[in-house]
Amino acid sequence: MDEAIRTAWELWEAREVTRILPSPDVLPRTLDLMATLGLGRKRILDTALAATLELAGVQRLATFNPGDFAIFPFLEIVSTPVNSGPRLV
């Protein structure tokens, strides 16, 4: 867990990363997506992330879990092999 937290901080602080924070519109869009797509409570975090990306104009997402985001038609999913992990310089 310590390594995951350390990696998350490194990514958050990386110069190449553009930080996207949720706007006040994220919750209504999240709930709309959940209702429209018939998603349950176990999908709220993925849906909130997708809504945040959509509202920020992000169209492509690289993820280790492409199946979690395939349902969102506004996202192009870039599948990342599980064993590749983030490489920070």
Protein backbone atom coordinates (compact mmCIF):
# COMPACT_ATOMS: atom_id res chain seq x y z
CA MET A 1 0.00 0.00 0.00
CA ASP A 2 2.85 2.39 0.77
CA GLU A 3 4.18 1.97 -2.75
CA ALA A 4 0.76 2.71 -4.25
CA ILE A 5 0.43 5.87 -2.17
CA ARG A 6 3.96 6.96 -3.06
CA THR A 7 3.23 6.37 -6.77
CA ALA A 8 -0.02 8.35 -6.52
CA TRP A 9 1.84 11.31 -4.98
CA GLU A 10 4.55 11.14 -7.65
CA LEU A 11 1.94 11.19 -10.39
CA TRP A 12 0.02 14.02 -8.71
CA GLU A 13 3.17 16.14 -8.45
CA ALA A 14 4.63 15.26 -11.88
CA ARG A 15 5.27 18.23 -14.13
CA GLU A 16 3.67 16.40 -17.08
CA VAL A 17 0.36 15.92 -15.26
CA THR A 18 -2.54 18.31 -15.72
CA ARG A 19 -4.64 18.19 -12.56
CA ILE A 20 -8.36 17.98 -13.09
CA LEU A 21 -10.55 18.59 -10.06
CA PRO A 22 -14.31 17.99 -9.88
CA SER A 23 -16.51 21.00 -10.58
CA PRO A 24 -19.92 21.59 -8.97
CA ASP A 25 -21.46 20.05 -12.11
CA VAL A 26 -19.89 16.63 -11.49
CA LEU A 27 -22.44 15.29 -9.02
CA PRO A 28 -25.50 16.04 -11.19
CA ARG A 29 -23.72 14.59 -14.25
CA THR A 30 -22.65 11.52 -12.26
CA LEU A 31 -26.21 10.87 -11.12
CA ASP A 32 -27.52 11.46 -14.64
CA LEU A 33 -25.04 8.96 -16.09
CA MET A 34 -25.88 6.40 -13.43
CA ALA A 35 -29.60 6.70 -14.13
CA THR A 36 -29.21 6.76 -17.92
CA LEU A 37 -26.80 3.81 -18.03
CA GLY A 38 -28.54 1.84 -15.26
CA LEU A 39 -25.52 1.74 -12.98
CA GLY A 40 -25.68 0.81 -9.30
CA ARG A 41 -23.97 2.18 -6.21
CA LYS A 42 -20.83 0.10 -6.75
CA ARG A 43 -20.12 2.10 -9.91
CA ILE A 44 -20.34 5.60 -8.40
CA LEU A 45 -16.59 6.29 -8.18
CA ASP A 46 -15.86 5.22 -11.76
CA THR A 47 -18.89 7.20 -12.92
CA ALA A 48 -17.79 10.30 -10.99
CA LEU A 49 -14.34 10.03 -12.57
CA ALA A 50 -15.88 9.65 -16.02
CA ALA A 51 -18.15 12.66 -15.40
CA THR A 52 -15.18 14.73 -14.19
CA LEU A 53 -13.21 13.85 -17.32
CA GLU A 54 -16.15 14.55 -19.62
CA LEU A 55 -16.82 17.97 -18.11
CA ALA A 56 -13.11 18.82 -18.35
CA GLY A 57 -13.09 17.95 -22.06
CA VAL A 58 -10.95 14.84 -21.69
CA GLN A 59 -11.75 12.33 -24.42
CA ARG A 60 -9.19 9.57 -23.81
CA LEU A 61 -8.45 7.55 -20.68
CA ALA A 62 -5.56 5.13 -20.09
CA THR A 63 -6.53 2.54 -17.51
CA PHE A 64 -5.59 -0.87 -16.17
CA ASN A 65 -9.35 -1.62 -16.01
CA PRO A 66 -10.80 -0.85 -19.45
CA GLY A 67 -14.01 -2.76 -18.72
CA ASP A 68 -14.87 -0.31 -15.95
CA PHE A 69 -15.04 2.60 -18.39
CA ALA A 70 -16.17 0.99 -21.66
CA ILE A 71 -19.80 1.92 -20.93
CA PHE A 72 -19.10 5.67 -21.18
CA PRO A 73 -19.56 6.57 -24.87
CA PHE A 74 -17.68 9.86 -24.60
CA LEU A 75 -14.41 8.20 -23.53
CA GLU A 76 -11.90 6.48 -25.78
CA ILE A 77 -10.29 3.81 -23.63
CA VAL A 78 -6.59 3.07 -23.93
CA SER A 79 -5.95 -0.28 -22.30
CA THR A 80 -2.72 -0.48 -20.34
CA PRO A 81 -1.25 -3.92 -19.59
CA VAL A 82 -1.52 -4.69 -15.87
CA ASN A 83 2.15 -5.60 -15.49
CA SER A 84 3.43 -2.40 -17.11
CA GLY A 85 2.63 -0.08 -14.19
CA PRO A 86 3.52 3.61 -14.14
CA ARG A 87 7.07 4.48 -15.09
CA LEU A 88 8.28 7.68 -13.48
CA VAL A 89 11.55 9.36 -14.37
